[in-house]
Every structure is written in structure tokens, then in C-alpha cells.
C-alpha atoms as a PDB file:
ATOM      1  CA  MET A   1      23.605 -18.028 106.549  1.00  0.00           C
ATOM      2  CA  GLU A   2      25.642 -14.858 106.899  1.00  0.00           C
ATOM      3  CA  ILE A   3      26.840 -12.570 104.135  1.00  0.00           C
ATOM      4  CA  HIS A   4      29.807 -10.313 104.756  1.00  0.00           C
ATOM      5  CA  PHE A   5      30.968  -7.395 102.650  1.00  0.00           C
ATOM      6  CA  ASP A   6      34.092  -5.365 102.998  1.00  0.00           C
ATOM      7  CA  GLY A   7      33.538  -1.643 103.702  1.00  0.00           C
ATOM      8  CA  GLN A   8      33.552  -0.525 100.067  1.00  0.00           C
ATOM      9  CA  SER A   9      31.344  -3.356  98.846  1.00  0.00           C
ATOM     10  CA  THR A  10      28.799  -2.658 101.579  1.00  0.00           C
ATOM     11  CA  GLU A  11      28.568   1.006 100.555  1.00  0.00           C
ATOM     12  CA  GLU A  12      28.205   0.061  96.889  1.00  0.00           C
ATOM     13  CA  PHE A  13      25.509  -2.479  97.751  1.00  0.00           C
ATOM     14  CA  PHE A  14      23.477   0.067  99.716  1.00  0.00           C
ATOM     15  CA  GLN A  15      23.806   2.654  96.963  1.00  0.00           C
ATOM     16  CA  TRP A  16      22.612   0.074  94.434  1.00  0.00           C
ATOM     17  CA  MET A  17      19.709  -0.925  96.732  1.00  0.00           C
ATOM     18  CA  ALA A  18      18.697   2.728  97.273  1.00  0.00           C
ATOM     19  CA  ALA A  19      18.704   3.341  93.508  1.00  0.00           C
ATOM     20  CA  LYS A  20      16.504   0.287  92.926  1.00  0.00           C
ATOM     21  CA  ILE A  21      14.039   1.357  95.638  1.00  0.00           C
ATOM     22  CA  GLN A  22      13.896   4.829  94.100  1.00  0.00           C
ATOM     23  CA  ASP A  23      13.346   3.375  90.613  1.00  0.00           C
ATOM     24  CA  VAL A  24      10.386   1.351  91.879  1.00  0.00           C
ATOM     25  CA  THR A  25       8.765   3.862  94.228  1.00  0.00           C
ATOM     26  CA  LEU A  26       9.245   7.202  92.442  1.00  0.00           C
ATOM     27  CA  PRO A  27       6.816   6.477  89.571  1.00  0.00           C
ATOM     28  CA  ILE A  28       4.189   5.289  92.071  1.00  0.00           C
ATOM     29  CA  VAL A  29       4.577   8.397  94.231  1.00  0.00           C
ATOM     30  CA  LYS A  30       4.483  10.683  91.179  1.00  0.00           C
ATOM     31  CA  GLU A  31       1.298   9.051  89.874  1.00  0.00           C
ATOM     32  CA  THR A  32      -0.377   9.259  93.283  1.00  0.00           C
ATOM     33  CA  VAL A  33       0.457  12.955  93.680  1.00  0.00           C
ATOM     34  CA  GLU A  34      -0.692  13.795  90.157  1.00  0.00           C
ATOM     35  CA  GLU A  35      -3.973  11.928  90.642  1.00  0.00           C
ATOM     36  CA  SER A  36      -4.701  13.734  93.888  1.00  0.00           C
ATOM     37  CA  LEU A  37      -3.983  17.122  92.292  1.00  0.00           C
ATOM     38  CA  PHE A  38      -6.141  16.470  89.253  1.00  0.00           C
ATOM     39  CA  ASP A  39      -8.979  15.080  91.363  1.00  0.00           C
ATOM     40  CA  GLU A  40      -9.044  18.220  93.482  1.00  0.00           C
ATOM     41  CA  GLU A  41     -12.009  20.472  92.807  1.00  0.00           C
ATOM     42  CA  LEU A  42     -10.926  24.105  92.534  1.00  0.00           C
ATOM     43  CA  LEU A  43     -13.516  26.694  93.484  1.00  0.00           C
ATOM     44  CA  THR A  44     -13.847  30.373  92.627  1.00  0.00           C
ATOM     45  CA  ARG A  45     -14.407  33.042  95.312  1.00  0.00           C
ATOM     46  CA  LYS A  46     -18.117  32.948  94.631  1.00  0.00           C
ATOM     47  CA  GLU A  47     -18.281  29.132  94.801  1.00  0.00           C
ATOM     48  CA  VAL A  48     -16.266  28.808  98.004  1.00  0.00           C
ATOM     49  CA  SER A  49     -18.331  31.585  99.598  1.00  0.00           C
ATOM     50  CA  LYS A  50     -21.663  30.025  98.695  1.00  0.00           C
ATOM     51  CA  ARG A  51     -20.955  26.280  98.854  1.00  0.00           C
ATOM     52  CA  ILE A  52     -18.538  25.984 101.765  1.00  0.00           C
ATOM     53  CA  LEU A  53     -18.559  29.155 103.853  1.00  0.00           C
ATOM     54  CA  ASN A  54     -22.291  29.868 103.408  1.00  0.00           C
ATOM     55  CA  CYS A  55     -21.796  33.618 103.270  1.00  0.00           C
ATOM     56  CA  SER A  56     -21.531  36.469 100.809  1.00  0.00           C
ATOM     57  CA  VAL A  57     -18.363  37.029  98.805  1.00  0.00           C
ATOM     58  CA  ASP A  58     -17.758  40.273 100.715  1.00  0.00           C
ATOM     59  CA  THR A  59     -17.957  38.434 104.061  1.00  0.00           C
ATOM     60  CA  ALA A  60     -15.687  35.677 102.761  1.00  0.00           C
ATOM     61  CA  ASP A  61     -13.145  38.262 101.596  1.00  0.00           C
ATOM     62  CA  LYS A  62     -13.226  40.095 104.920  1.00  0.00           C
ATOM     63  CA  TYR A  63     -13.077  37.135 107.315  1.00  0.00           C
ATOM     64  CA  TYR A  64     -11.678  34.115 105.458  1.00  0.00           C
ATOM     65  CA  LEU A  65     -10.143  34.282 102.002  1.00  0.00           C
ATOM     66  CA  TYR A  66      -7.290  36.645 102.842  1.00  0.00           C
ATOM     67  CA  GLN A  67      -6.429  35.247 106.274  1.00  0.00           C
ATOM     68  CA  PRO A  68      -2.849  33.980 106.618  1.00  0.00           C
ATOM     69  CA  GLY A  69      -2.758  30.281 105.840  1.00  0.00           C
ATOM     70  CA  PHE A  70      -6.073  30.137 103.968  1.00  0.00           C
ATOM     71  CA  PRO A  71      -5.432  27.711 101.060  1.00  0.00           C
ATOM     72  CA  TYR A  72      -5.507  28.906  97.475  1.00  0.00           C
ATOM     73  CA  CYS A  73      -3.655  28.548  94.209  1.00  0.00           C
ATOM     74  CA  GLU A  74      -3.392  30.896  91.280  1.00  0.00           C
ATOM     75  CA  ARG A  75      -4.288  30.133  87.707  1.00  0.00           C
ATOM     76  CA  GLY A  76      -3.935  32.908  85.170  1.00  0.00           C
ATOM     77  CA  GLY A  77      -3.871  35.540  87.909  1.00  0.00           C
ATOM     78  CA  GLU A  78      -7.114  34.267  89.468  1.00  0.00           C
ATOM     79  CA  ARG A  79      -7.229  32.796  92.969  1.00  0.00           C
ATOM     80  CA  LEU A  80      -8.816  29.365  93.091  1.00  0.00           C
ATOM     81  CA  TYR A  81      -9.546  27.471  96.289  1.00  0.00           C
ATOM     82  CA  PRO A  82      -8.993  23.697  96.592  1.00  0.00           C
ATOM     83  CA  LYS A  83     -12.210  22.368  98.132  1.00  0.00           C
ATOM     84  CA  LYS A  84     -10.600  19.674 100.302  1.00  0.00           C
ATOM     85  CA  ALA A  85      -7.898  22.039 101.569  1.00  0.00           C
ATOM     86  CA  VAL A  86     -10.492  24.686 102.467  1.00  0.00           C
ATOM     87  CA  GLU A  87     -12.544  22.122 104.376  1.00  0.00           C
ATOM     88  CA  LYS A  88      -9.405  20.980 106.205  1.00  0.00           C
ATOM     89  CA  TRP A  89      -8.518  24.607 107.022  1.00  0.00           C
ATOM     90  CA  ILE A  90     -11.993  25.122 108.496  1.00  0.00           C
ATOM     91  CA  GLN A  91     -11.641  22.030 110.678  1.00  0.00           C
ATOM     92  CA  LYS A  92      -8.183  23.102 111.843  1.00  0.00           C
ATOM     93  CA  ASN A  93      -9.270  26.675 112.595  1.00  0.00           C
ATOM     94  CA  THR A  94     -12.643  25.982 114.206  1.00  0.00           C
ATOM     95  CA  LYS A  95     -12.723  27.149 117.813  1.00  0.00           C
ATOM     96  CA  TYR A  96     -14.850  25.665 120.559  1.00  0.00           C
ATOM     97  CA  ASN A  97     -15.959  27.143 123.875  1.00  0.00           C
END
């Protein structure tokens, strides 16, 4: 069985199909993103220094926390560090001999 559309009908069909796909998938994507953000544990400088980097806050400041690309977000003017993103950064930036 073959279905043929003229040029205009084909364009209208694909626009309709794209809108339907967006209607179905957008709420799912939004929910997934929101869940992952709310599940993320945010750590203070002291917590990330002690629990992940295993060093003093001064050492963390000097060698890690202010390096370009080190993950953080700000809440009320305070830097907070997403635990999973910090762990990923460490894996990505670990050097081997």
C-alpha cells in the first residue's frame, strides 16, 4: 500500500507529526531533567573538600575549586558543587603516567 501526498500536503503532514512528537516527548524530557537536578546533591566548599577531594579547604581553593571548568552553581551568592559533576570532573581530569 502506498500513500502519496502533493508537496503542500506532505509539508503539512510532517509539521503535524513533528508537533505531535513534541507534545508527547517534551513533558517526559522536562520531568527527567527536573528529577535529575533535584536528585543532585549540592556540596559546600567544606563538604567537597573533605568528602570528595580529601584535603583542606585552602588546598581545594588553591588547586581545584577555582580551576577553569570545575563545576559549581550559585545559590544566594554561595558557590555549591554538584557531587556527581565534581566526581565526573575528577575522572575527566585525572592524569596517568
